[in-house]
Each structure stands twice: as C-alpha cells, then as structure tokens.
Amino acid sequence: MNNRLEALLGMYEKDPKDSFLMYGIALEYFSAGKFEESKFFFEQLLESDPKYVPAYMQYARLKEKQNDIDGAKKLYRQGIKIANEAGDKHAAKEMEEFLDELE
C-alpha cells in the first residue's frame, strides 16, 4: 500500500463520512488496479453524498475498465443530471463526451 493511500485511510477512520476522503481513496485504489476496493468506496460515497459530481465520472470510468458498459452509461447519465442541477456545465459536458464514445 502506498503512503498516500495509508494516510487517506487513516484520516477516513477518524471521519468516515468525509466525501473528499472517500473519493481520494477510491481514486487511489483505482489507479492501483484494485477495482473492487475502488468500487466499494465509490458506492459508499454516492450513497452518502449523491451530489458529489466527480464521483460519477470516475466510477463510470471504473465500470468501463471492468467492461460494464451499461453500468458506465447509467453512471454518466446520472452524473450529467446531477452536474447540470449543480450548474457544473464543464463536468456535464465532459461526461456527455465520454457517454457519446460509448453509444
């Protein structure tokens, strides 16, 4: 386990509801190729903070890596909706582009 992940997990133990920490841990696991661990943290994050826009795109990218294209499309669509509701046009456009590549 890398030092950054260890540090994030240590902080997470103290504050397991911190969305930013869950997102960081999910990304660290994703970049390490530990997809099940990454999936766990993305799911926890979206369950506790369904308006956390960046999680939708990155979790969809994970689904793509796992060849779950339908799951990725669903996450992109949800993320686009949430991003638009939040006024985050940049994130919505980026996810629309990724979704277009899958369709």
PDB file of N, CA and C in Angstrom:
ATOM      1  N   MET A   1       0.855  -1.179   0.000  1.00  0.00           N
ATOM      2  CA  MET A   1       0.000   0.000   0.000  1.00  0.00           C
ATOM      3  C   MET A   1       0.899   1.241   0.000  1.00  0.00           C
ATOM      4  N   ASN A   2       0.517   2.224  -0.803  1.00  0.00           N
ATOM      5  CA  ASN A   2       1.348   3.432  -0.873  1.00  0.00           C
ATOM      6  C   ASN A   2       1.053   4.370   0.310  1.00  0.00           C
ATOM      7  N   ASN A   3       1.986   5.270   0.540  1.00  0.00           N
ATOM      8  CA  ASN A   3       1.877   6.178   1.687  1.00  0.00           C
ATOM      9  C   ASN A   3       0.644   7.073   1.625  1.00  0.00           C
ATOM     10  N   ARG A   4       0.320   7.532   0.414  1.00  0.00           N
ATOM     11  CA  ARG A   4      -0.843   8.417   0.269  1.00  0.00           C
ATOM     12  C   ARG A   4      -2.127   7.674   0.644  1.00  0.00           C
ATOM     13  N   LEU A   5      -2.240   6.434   0.170  1.00  0.00           N
ATOM     14  CA  LEU A   5      -3.425   5.644   0.494  1.00  0.00           C
ATOM     15  C   LEU A   5      -3.482   5.366   1.994  1.00  0.00           C
ATOM     16  N   GLU A   6      -2.367   5.022   2.591  1.00  0.00           N
ATOM     17  CA  GLU A   6      -2.326   4.790   4.036  1.00  0.00           C
ATOM     18  C   GLU A   6      -2.787   6.031   4.797  1.00  0.00           C
ATOM     19  N   ALA A   7      -2.302   7.185   4.375  1.00  0.00           N
ATOM     20  CA  ALA A   7      -2.683   8.435   5.037  1.00  0.00           C
ATOM     21  C   ALA A   7      -4.180   8.698   4.885  1.00  0.00           C
ATOM     22  N   LEU A   8      -4.698   8.501   3.685  1.00  0.00           N
ATOM     23  CA  LEU A   8      -6.127   8.711   3.452  1.00  0.00           C
ATOM     24  C   LEU A   8      -6.978   7.757   4.286  1.00  0.00           C
ATOM     25  N   LEU A   9      -6.568   6.491   4.344  1.00  0.00           N
ATOM     26  CA  LEU A   9      -7.319   5.518   5.139  1.00  0.00           C
ATOM     27  C   LEU A   9      -7.284   5.876   6.629  1.00  0.00           C
ATOM     28  N   GLY A  10      -6.150   6.390   7.087  1.00  0.00           N
ATOM     29  CA  GLY A  10      -6.045   6.834   8.477  1.00  0.00           C
ATOM     30  C   GLY A  10      -6.994   7.978   8.769  1.00  0.00           C
ATOM     31  N   MET A  11      -7.068   8.929   7.866  1.00  0.00           N
ATOM     32  CA  MET A  11      -7.998  10.051   8.045  1.00  0.00           C
ATOM     33  C   MET A  11      -9.445   9.583   7.946  1.00  0.00           C
ATOM     34  N   TYR A  12      -9.693   8.635   7.054  1.00  0.00           N
ATOM     35  CA  TYR A  12     -11.043   8.093   6.870  1.00  0.00           C
ATOM     36  C   TYR A  12     -11.545   7.415   8.147  1.00  0.00           C
ATOM     37  N   GLU A  13     -10.644   6.711   8.838  1.00  0.00           N
ATOM     38  CA  GLU A  13     -11.032   6.060  10.093  1.00  0.00           C
ATOM     39  C   GLU A  13     -11.563   7.084  11.094  1.00  0.00           C
ATOM     40  N   LYS A  14     -10.993   8.276  11.081  1.00  0.00           N
ATOM     41  CA  LYS A  14     -11.408   9.325  12.011  1.00  0.00           C
ATOM     42  C   LYS A  14     -12.665  10.049  11.536  1.00  0.00           C
ATOM     43  N   ASP A  15     -12.888  10.075  10.213  1.00  0.00           N
ATOM     44  CA  ASP A  15     -14.032  10.798   9.649  1.00  0.00           C
ATOM     45  C   ASP A  15     -14.602  10.032   8.452  1.00  0.00           C
ATOM     46  N   PRO A  16     -15.320   8.920   8.719  1.00  0.00           N
ATOM     47  CA  PRO A  16     -15.800   8.063   7.626  1.00  0.00           C
ATOM     48  C   PRO A  16     -16.922   8.660   6.776  1.00  0.00           C
ATOM     49  N   LYS A  17     -17.372   9.854   7.094  1.00  0.00           N
ATOM     50  CA  LYS A  17     -18.422  10.497   6.295  1.00  0.00           C
ATOM     51  C   LYS A  17     -17.856  11.569   5.359  1.00  0.00           C
ATOM     52  N   ASP A  18     -16.551  11.742   5.357  1.00  0.00           N
ATOM     53  CA  ASP A  18     -15.912  12.784   4.543  1.00  0.00           C
ATOM     54  C   ASP A  18     -15.894  12.361   3.070  1.00  0.00           C
ATOM     55  N   SER A  19     -16.667  13.047   2.253  1.00  0.00           N
ATOM     56  CA  SER A  19     -16.795  12.709   0.839  1.00  0.00           C
ATOM     57  C   SER A  19     -15.469  12.821   0.099  1.00  0.00           C
ATOM     58  N   PHE A  20     -14.714  13.861   0.403  1.00  0.00           N
ATOM     59  CA  PHE A  20     -13.442  14.066  -0.276  1.00  0.00           C
ATOM     60  C   PHE A  20     -12.478  12.914   0.019  1.00  0.00           C
ATOM     61  N   LEU A  21     -12.472  12.438   1.249  1.00  0.00           N
ATOM     62  CA  LEU A  21     -11.613  11.305   1.613  1.00  0.00           C
ATOM     63  C   LEU A  21     -12.043  10.036   0.881  1.00  0.00           C
ATOM     64  N   MET A  22     -13.340   9.777   0.854  1.00  0.00           N
ATOM     65  CA  MET A  22     -13.830   8.582   0.145  1.00  0.00           C
ATOM     66  C   MET A  22     -13.464   8.643  -1.327  1.00  0.00           C
ATOM     67  N   TYR A  23     -13.597   9.814  -1.914  1.00  0.00           N
ATOM     68  CA  TYR A  23     -13.257   9.995  -3.324  1.00  0.00           C
ATOM     69  C   TYR A  23     -11.761   9.745  -3.538  1.00  0.00           C
ATOM     70  N   GLY A  24     -10.930  10.310  -2.689  1.00  0.00           N
ATOM     71  CA  GLY A  24      -9.484  10.124  -2.808  1.00  0.00           C
ATOM     72  C   GLY A  24      -9.077   8.666  -2.660  1.00  0.00           C
ATOM     73  N   ILE A  25      -9.686   7.972  -1.712  1.00  0.00           N
ATOM     74  CA  ILE A  25      -9.382   6.552  -1.511  1.00  0.00           C
ATOM     75  C   ILE A  25      -9.817   5.740  -2.724  1.00  0.00           C
ATOM     76  N   ALA A  26     -11.001   6.022  -3.234  1.00  0.00           N
ATOM     77  CA  ALA A  26     -11.492   5.314  -4.424  1.00  0.00           C
ATOM     78  C   ALA A  26     -10.543   5.517  -5.599  1.00  0.00           C
ATOM     79  N   LEU A  27     -10.065   6.752  -5.785  1.00  0.00           N
ATOM     80  CA  LEU A  27      -9.129   7.026  -6.886  1.00  0.00           C
ATOM     81  C   LEU A  27      -7.801   6.318  -6.686  1.00  0.00           C
ATOM     82  N   GLU A  28      -7.310   6.284  -5.458  1.00  0.00           N
ATOM     83  CA  GLU A  28      -6.038   5.596  -5.177  1.00  0.00           C
ATOM     84  C   GLU A  28      -6.150   4.106  -5.482  1.00  0.00           C
ATOM     85  N   TYR A  29      -7.231   3.494  -5.037  1.00  0.00           N
ATOM     86  CA  TYR A  29      -7.432   2.077  -5.340  1.00  0.00           C
ATOM     87  C   TYR A  29      -7.577   1.858  -6.846  1.00  0.00           C
ATOM     88  N   PHE A  30      -8.300   2.735  -7.500  1.00  0.00           N
ATOM     89  CA  PHE A  30      -8.496   2.635  -8.953  1.00  0.00           C
ATOM     90  C   PHE A  30      -7.154   2.689  -9.677  1.00  0.00           C
ATOM     91  N   SER A  31      -6.323   3.646  -9.324  1.00  0.00           N
ATOM     92  CA  SER A  31      -5.035   3.786 -10.014  1.00  0.00           C
ATOM     93  C   SER A  31      -4.101   2.619  -9.708  1.00  0.00           C
ATOM     94  N   ALA A  32      -4.338   1.933  -8.567  1.00  0.00           N
ATOM     95  CA  ALA A  32      -3.529   0.766  -8.212  1.00  0.00           C
ATOM     96  C   ALA A  32      -4.087  -0.521  -8.836  1.00  0.00           C
ATOM     97  N   GLY A  33      -5.196  -0.401  -9.569  1.00  0.00           N
ATOM     98  CA  GLY A  33      -5.804  -1.570 -10.201  1.00  0.00           C
ATOM     99  C   GLY A  33      -6.604  -2.427  -9.241  1.00  0.00           C
ATOM    100  N   LYS A  34      -6.908  -1.893  -8.067  1.00  0.00           N
ATOM    101  CA  LYS A  34      -7.708  -2.623  -7.075  1.00  0.00           C
ATOM    102  C   LYS A  34      -9.160  -2.176  -7.232  1.00  0.00           C
ATOM    103  N   PHE A  35      -9.799  -2.736  -8.251  1.00  0.00           N
ATOM    104  CA  PHE A  35     -11.094  -2.251  -8.677  1.00  0.00           C
ATOM    105  C   PHE A  35     -12.220  -2.538  -7.680  1.00  0.00           C
ATOM    106  N   GLU A  36     -12.190  -3.677  -7.019  1.00  0.00           N
ATOM    107  CA  GLU A  36     -13.254  -3.978  -6.060  1.00  0.00           C
ATOM    108  C   GLU A  36     -13.209  -3.011  -4.876  1.00  0.00           C
ATOM    109  N   GLU A  37     -12.004  -2.713  -4.396  1.00  0.00           N
ATOM    110  CA  GLU A  37     -11.862  -1.757  -3.304  1.00  0.00           C
ATOM    111  C   GLU A  37     -12.313  -0.368  -3.746  1.00  0.00           C
ATOM    112  N   SER A  38     -11.938   0.000  -4.961  1.00  0.00           N
ATOM    113  CA  SER A  38     -12.336   1.290  -5.509  1.00  0.00           C
ATOM    114  C   SER A  38     -13.858   1.371  -5.621  1.00  0.00           C
ATOM    115  N   LYS A  39     -14.450   0.322  -6.149  1.00  0.00           N
ATOM    116  CA  LYS A  39     -15.902   0.260  -6.300  1.00  0.00           C
ATOM    117  C   LYS A  39     -16.598   0.447  -4.953  1.00  0.00           C
ATOM    118  N   PHE A  40     -16.085  -0.216  -3.930  1.00  0.00           N
ATOM    119  CA  PHE A  40     -16.665  -0.097  -2.587  1.00  0.00           C
ATOM    120  C   PHE A  40     -16.724   1.360  -2.148  1.00  0.00           C
ATOM    121  N   PHE A  41     -15.624   2.094  -2.314  1.00  0.00           N
ATOM    122  CA  PHE A  41     -15.593   3.480  -1.856  1.00  0.00           C
ATOM    123  C   PHE A  41     -16.433   4.397  -2.738  1.00  0.00           C
ATOM    124  N   PHE A  42     -16.471   4.149  -4.048  1.00  0.00           N
ATOM    125  CA  PHE A  42     -17.364   4.942  -4.897  1.00  0.00           C
ATOM    126  C   PHE A  42     -18.814   4.732  -4.486  1.00  0.00           C
ATOM    127  N   GLU A  43     -19.183   3.479  -4.225  1.00  0.00           N
ATOM    128  CA  GLU A  43     -20.569   3.203  -3.835  1.00  0.00           C
ATOM    129  C   GLU A  43     -20.907   3.846  -2.493  1.00  0.00           C
ATOM    130  N   GLN A  44     -19.986   3.764  -1.535  1.00  0.00           N
ATOM    131  CA  GLN A  44     -20.196   4.402  -0.236  1.00  0.00           C
ATOM    132  C   GLN A  44     -20.369   5.907  -0.406  1.00  0.00           C
ATOM    133  N   LEU A  45     -19.524   6.484  -1.229  1.00  0.00           N
ATOM    134  CA  LEU A  45     -19.567   7.925  -1.460  1.00  0.00           C
ATOM    135  C   LEU A  45     -20.892   8.347  -2.076  1.00  0.00           C
ATOM    136  N   LEU A  46     -21.303   7.673  -3.145  1.00  0.00           N
ATOM    137  CA  LEU A  46     -22.535   8.082  -3.822  1.00  0.00           C
ATOM    138  C   LEU A  46     -23.775   7.798  -2.982  1.00  0.00           C
ATOM    139  N   GLU A  47     -23.684   6.827  -2.088  1.00  0.00           N
ATOM    140  CA  GLU A  47     -24.798   6.565  -1.178  1.00  0.00           C
ATOM    141  C   GLU A  47     -24.906   7.683  -0.140  1.00  0.00           C
ATOM    142  N   SER A  48     -23.770   8.120   0.380  1.00  0.00           N
ATOM    143  CA  SER A  48     -23.805   9.138   1.435  1.00  0.00           C
ATOM    144  C   SER A  48     -23.861  10.569   0.895  1.00  0.00           C
ATOM    145  N   ASP A  49     -23.382  10.764  -0.327  1.00  0.00           N
ATOM    146  CA  ASP A  49     -23.343  12.113  -0.908  1.00  0.00           C
ATOM    147  C   ASP A  49     -23.648  12.024  -2.406  1.00  0.00           C
ATOM    148  N   PRO A  50     -24.931  11.803  -2.752  1.00  0.00           N
ATOM    149  CA  PRO A  50     -25.297  11.581  -4.157  1.00  0.00           C
ATOM    150  C   PRO A  50     -25.084  12.779  -5.082  1.00  0.00           C
ATOM    151  N   LYS A  51     -24.728  13.923  -4.535  1.00  0.00           N
ATOM    152  CA  LYS A  51     -24.491  15.098  -5.382  1.00  0.00           C
ATOM    153  C   LYS A  51     -23.003  15.349  -5.605  1.00  0.00           C
ATOM    154  N   TYR A  52     -22.145  14.402  -5.252  1.00  0.00           N
ATOM    155  CA  TYR A  52     -20.699  14.547  -5.417  1.00  0.00           C
ATOM    156  C   TYR A  52     -20.348  14.250  -6.878  1.00  0.00           C
ATOM    157  N   VAL A  53     -20.409  15.264  -7.703  1.00  0.00           N
ATOM    158  CA  VAL A  53     -20.326  15.149  -9.163  1.00  0.00           C
ATOM    159  C   VAL A  53     -19.107  14.361  -9.664  1.00  0.00           C
ATOM    160  N   PRO A  54     -17.885  14.650  -9.209  1.00  0.00           N
ATOM    161  CA  PRO A  54     -16.727  13.951  -9.788  1.00  0.00           C
ATOM    162  C   PRO A  54     -16.774  12.434  -9.632  1.00  0.00           C
ATOM    163  N   ALA A  55     -17.465  11.956  -8.614  1.00  0.00           N
ATOM    164  CA  ALA A  55     -17.527  10.513  -8.380  1.00  0.00           C
ATOM    165  C   ALA A  55     -18.227   9.781  -9.523  1.00  0.00           C
ATOM    166  N   TYR A  56     -19.212  10.417 -10.130  1.00  0.00           N
ATOM    167  CA  TYR A  56     -19.948   9.757 -11.211  1.00  0.00           C
ATOM    168  C   TYR A  56     -19.031   9.468 -12.397  1.00  0.00           C
ATOM    169  N   MET A  57     -18.246  10.444 -12.768  1.00  0.00           N
ATOM    170  CA  MET A  57     -17.373  10.246 -13.925  1.00  0.00           C
ATOM    171  C   MET A  57     -16.311   9.194 -13.641  1.00  0.00           C
ATOM    172  N   GLN A  58     -15.685   9.283 -12.487  1.00  0.00           N
ATOM    173  CA  GLN A  58     -14.610   8.344 -12.189  1.00  0.00           C
ATOM    174  C   GLN A  58     -15.139   6.924 -11.955  1.00  0.00           C
ATOM    175  N   TYR A  59     -16.286   6.813 -11.327  1.00  0.00           N
ATOM    176  CA  TYR A  59     -16.876   5.487 -11.132  1.00  0.00           C
ATOM    177  C   TYR A  59     -17.298   4.904 -12.482  1.00  0.00           C
ATOM    178  N   ALA A  60     -17.806   5.731 -13.368  1.00  0.00           N
ATOM    179  CA  ALA A  60     -18.153   5.267 -14.719  1.00  0.00           C
ATOM    180  C   ALA A  60     -16.904   4.789 -15.449  1.00  0.00           C
ATOM    181  N   ARG A  61     -15.788   5.494 -15.275  1.00  0.00           N
ATOM    182  CA  ARG A  61     -14.523   5.067 -15.901  1.00  0.00           C
ATOM    183  C   ARG A  61     -14.105   3.691 -15.357  1.00  0.00           C
ATOM    184  N   LEU A  62     -14.311   3.483 -14.069  1.00  0.00           N
ATOM    185  CA  LEU A  62     -14.024   2.179 -13.470  1.00  0.00           C
ATOM    186  C   LEU A  62     -14.902   1.107 -14.100  1.00  0.00           C
ATOM    187  N   LYS A  63     -16.187   1.402 -14.249  1.00  0.00           N
ATOM    188  CA  LYS A  63     -17.104   0.445 -14.877  1.00  0.00           C
ATOM    189  C   LYS A  63     -16.641   0.108 -16.302  1.00  0.00           C
ATOM    190  N   GLU A  64     -16.164   1.114 -17.016  1.00  0.00           N
ATOM    191  CA  GLU A  64     -15.643   0.863 -18.363  1.00  0.00           C
ATOM    192  C   GLU A  64     -14.469  -0.112 -18.308  1.00  0.00           C
ATOM    193  N   LYS A  65     -13.554   0.107 -17.372  1.00  0.00           N
ATOM    194  CA  LYS A  65     -12.391  -0.767 -17.212  1.00  0.00           C
ATOM    195  C   LYS A  65     -12.807  -2.208 -16.947  1.00  0.00           C
ATOM    196  N   GLN A  66     -13.933  -2.361 -16.251  1.00  0.00           N
ATOM    197  CA  GLN A  66     -14.435  -3.692 -15.923  1.00  0.00           C
ATOM    198  C   GLN A  66     -15.357  -4.235 -17.014  1.00  0.00           C
ATOM    199  N   ASN A  67     -15.430  -3.537 -18.134  1.00  0.00           N
ATOM    200  CA  ASN A  67     -16.275  -3.911 -19.267  1.00  0.00           C
ATOM    201  C   ASN A  67     -17.764  -3.944 -18.918  1.00  0.00           C
ATOM    202  N   ASP A  68     -18.165  -3.136 -17.949  1.00  0.00           N
ATOM    203  CA  ASP A  68     -19.580  -2.975 -17.615  1.00  0.00           C
ATOM    204  C   ASP A  68     -20.054  -1.683 -18.287  1.00  0.00           C
ATOM    205  N   ILE A  69     -20.242  -1.768 -19.584  1.00  0.00           N
ATOM    206  CA  ILE A  69     -20.578  -0.590 -20.378  1.00  0.00           C
ATOM    207  C   ILE A  69     -21.950  -0.036 -20.004  1.00  0.00           C
ATOM    208  N   ASP A  70     -22.913  -0.924 -19.761  1.00  0.00           N
ATOM    209  CA  ASP A  70     -24.246  -0.452 -19.359  1.00  0.00           C
ATOM    210  C   ASP A  70     -24.172   0.286 -18.030  1.00  0.00           C
ATOM    211  N   GLY A  71     -23.393  -0.254 -17.094  1.00  0.00           N
ATOM    212  CA  GLY A  71     -23.220   0.412 -15.805  1.00  0.00           C
ATOM    213  C   GLY A  71     -22.558   1.770 -15.960  1.00  0.00           C
ATOM    214  N   ALA A  72     -21.562   1.845 -16.850  1.00  0.00           N
ATOM    215  CA  ALA A  72     -20.873   3.116 -17.103  1.00  0.00           C
ATOM    216  C   ALA A  72     -21.841   4.135 -17.696  1.00  0.00           C
ATOM    217  N   LYS A  73     -22.634   3.722 -18.662  1.00  0.00           N
ATOM    218  CA  LYS A  73     -23.596   4.635 -19.279  1.00  0.00           C
ATOM    219  C   LYS A  73     -24.577   5.175 -18.244  1.00  0.00           C
ATOM    220  N   LYS A  74     -25.050   4.281 -17.386  1.00  0.00           N
ATOM    221  CA  LYS A  74     -26.006   4.690 -16.347  1.00  0.00           C
ATOM    222  C   LYS A  74     -25.375   5.744 -15.441  1.00  0.00           C
ATOM    223  N   LEU A  75     -24.123   5.515 -15.021  1.00  0.00           N
ATOM    224  CA  LEU A  75     -23.449   6.475 -14.152  1.00  0.00           C
ATOM    225  C   LEU A  75     -23.208   7.801 -14.859  1.00  0.00           C
ATOM    226  N   TYR A  76     -22.805   7.759 -16.128  1.00  0.00           N
ATOM    227  CA  TYR A  76     -22.617   9.014 -16.870  1.00  0.00           C
ATOM    228  C   TYR A  76     -23.927   9.794 -16.937  1.00  0.00           C
ATOM    229  N   ARG A  77     -25.023   9.101 -17.237  1.00  0.00           N
ATOM    230  CA  ARG A  77     -26.324   9.790 -17.331  1.00  0.00           C
ATOM    231  C   ARG A  77     -26.722  10.414 -15.993  1.00  0.00           C
ATOM    232  N   GLN A  78     -26.535   9.656 -14.912  1.00  0.00           N
ATOM    233  CA  GLN A  78     -26.841  10.202 -13.585  1.00  0.00           C
ATOM    234  C   GLN A  78     -25.941  11.396 -13.286  1.00  0.00           C
ATOM    235  N   GLY A  79     -24.657  11.254 -13.603  1.00  0.00           N
ATOM    236  CA  GLY A  79     -23.701  12.326 -13.338  1.00  0.00           C
ATOM    237  C   GLY A  79     -24.008  13.590 -14.120  1.00  0.00           C
ATOM    238  N   ILE A  80     -24.424  13.427 -15.364  1.00  0.00           N
ATOM    239  CA  ILE A  80     -24.780  14.576 -16.199  1.00  0.00           C
ATOM    240  C   ILE A  80     -25.960  15.322 -15.573  1.00  0.00           C
ATOM    241  N   LYS A  81     -26.957  14.556 -15.128  1.00  0.00           N
ATOM    242  CA  LYS A  81     -28.132  15.162 -14.488  1.00  0.00           C
ATOM    243  C   LYS A  81     -27.727  15.927 -13.231  1.00  0.00           C
ATOM    244  N   ILE A  82     -26.941  15.302 -12.379  1.00  0.00           N
ATOM    245  CA  ILE A  82     -26.518  15.936 -11.117  1.00  0.00           C
ATOM    246  C   ILE A  82     -25.649  17.164 -11.409  1.00  0.00           C
ATOM    247  N   ALA A  83     -24.741  17.041 -12.372  1.00  0.00           N
ATOM    248  CA  ALA A  83     -23.860  18.167 -12.719  1.00  0.00           C
ATOM    249  C   ALA A  83     -24.678  19.344 -13.238  1.00  0.00           C
ATOM    250  N   ASN A  84     -25.646  19.069 -14.098  1.00  0.00           N
ATOM    251  CA  ASN A  84     -26.498  20.146 -14.607  1.00  0.00           C
ATOM    252  C   ASN A  84     -27.297  20.808 -13.495  1.00  0.00           C
ATOM    253  N   GLU A  85     -27.820  19.999 -12.572  1.00  0.00           N
ATOM    254  CA  GLU A  85     -28.567  20.555 -11.438  1.00  0.00           C
ATOM    255  C   GLU A  85     -27.679  21.449 -10.576  1.00  0.00           C
ATOM    256  N   ALA A  86     -26.388  21.092 -10.491  1.00  0.00           N
ATOM    257  CA  ALA A  86     -25.440  21.862  -9.685  1.00  0.00           C
ATOM    258  C   ALA A  86     -24.854  23.044 -10.454  1.00  0.00           C
ATOM    259  N   GLY A  87     -25.188  23.157 -11.737  1.00  0.00           N
ATOM    260  CA  GLY A  87     -24.657  24.238 -12.559  1.00  0.00           C
ATOM    261  C   GLY A  87     -23.230  24.000 -13.011  1.00  0.00           C
ATOM    262  N   ASP A  88     -22.785  22.749 -12.938  1.00  0.00           N
ATOM    263  CA  ASP A  88     -21.419  22.398 -13.337  1.00  0.00           C
ATOM    264  C   ASP A  88     -21.435  21.945 -14.802  1.00  0.00           C
ATOM    265  N   LYS A  89     -21.500  22.925 -15.681  1.00  0.00           N
ATOM    266  CA  LYS A  89     -21.611  22.645 -17.121  1.00  0.00           C
ATOM    267  C   LYS A  89     -20.370  21.941 -17.665  1.00  0.00           C
ATOM    268  N   HIS A  90     -19.205  22.276 -17.127  1.00  0.00           N
ATOM    269  CA  HIS A  90     -17.955  21.649 -17.587  1.00  0.00           C
ATOM    270  C   HIS A  90     -17.983  20.137 -17.338  1.00  0.00           C
ATOM    271  N   ALA A  91     -18.340  19.745 -16.116  1.00  0.00           N
ATOM    272  CA  ALA A  91     -18.396  18.317 -15.786  1.00  0.00           C
ATOM    273  C   ALA A  91     -19.469  17.614 -16.612  1.00  0.00           C
ATOM    274  N   ALA A  92     -20.616  18.263 -16.784  1.00  0.00           N
ATOM    275  CA  ALA A  92     -21.691  17.665 -17.574  1.00  0.00           C
ATOM    276  C   ALA A  92     -21.231  17.433 -19.012  1.00  0.00           C
ATOM    277  N   LYS A  93     -20.565  18.416 -19.588  1.00  0.00           N
ATOM    278  CA  LYS A  93     -20.090  18.286 -20.972  1.00  0.00           C
ATOM    279  C   LYS A  93     -19.048  17.182 -21.093  1.00  0.00           C
ATOM    280  N   GLU A  94     -18.153  17.112 -20.131  1.00  0.00           N
ATOM    281  CA  GLU A  94     -17.119  16.077 -20.158  1.00  0.00           C
ATOM    282  C   GLU A  94     -17.748  14.678 -20.094  1.00  0.00           C
ATOM    283  N   MET A  95     -18.728  14.504 -19.218  1.00  0.00           N
ATOM    284  CA  MET A  95     -19.390  13.202 -19.123  1.00  0.00           C
ATOM    285  C   MET A  95     -20.207  12.897 -20.370  1.00  0.00           C
ATOM    286  N   GLU A  96     -20.814  13.930 -20.977  1.00  0.00           N
ATOM    287  CA  GLU A  96     -21.550  13.729 -22.231  1.00  0.00           C
ATOM    288  C   GLU A  96     -20.614  13.215 -23.319  1.00  0.00           C
ATOM    289  N   GLU A  97     -19.401  13.747 -23.364  1.00  0.00           N
ATOM    290  CA  GLU A  97     -18.429  13.298 -24.362  1.00  0.00           C
ATOM    291  C   GLU A  97     -18.041  11.839 -24.137  1.00  0.00           C
ATOM    292  N   PHE A  98     -17.811  11.459 -22.886  1.00  0.00           N
ATOM    293  CA  PHE A  98     -17.486  10.053 -22.587  1.00  0.00           C
ATOM    294  C   PHE A  98     -18.668   9.150 -22.927  1.00  0.00           C
ATOM    295  N   LEU A  99     -19.879   9.603 -22.600  1.00  0.00           N
ATOM    296  CA  LEU A  99     -21.075   8.807 -22.903  1.00  0.00           C
ATOM    297  C   LEU A  99     -21.233   8.633 -24.409  1.00  0.00           C
ATOM    298  N   ASP A 100     -21.010   9.705 -25.171  1.00  0.00           N
ATOM    299  CA  ASP A 100     -21.109   9.623 -26.634  1.00  0.00           C
ATOM    300  C   ASP A 100     -20.154   8.586 -27.213  1.00  0.00           C
ATOM    301  N   GLU A 101     -18.969   8.463 -26.607  1.00  0.00           N
ATOM    302  CA  GLU A 101     -17.995   7.479 -27.093  1.00  0.00           C
ATOM    303  C   GLU A 101     -18.497   6.044 -26.892  1.00  0.00           C
ATOM    304  N   LEU A 102     -19.358   5.848 -25.913  1.00  0.00           N
ATOM    305  CA  LEU A 102     -19.864   4.505 -25.626  1.00  0.00           C
ATOM    306  C   LEU A 102     -21.098   4.135 -26.438  1.00  0.00           C
ATOM    307  N   GLU A 103     -21.753   5.159 -26.993  1.00  0.00           N
ATOM    308  CA  GLU A 103     -23.011   4.884 -27.722  1.00  0.00           C
ATOM    309  C   GLU A 103     -22.815   4.857 -29.222  1.00  0.00           C
TER     310      GLU A 103
END
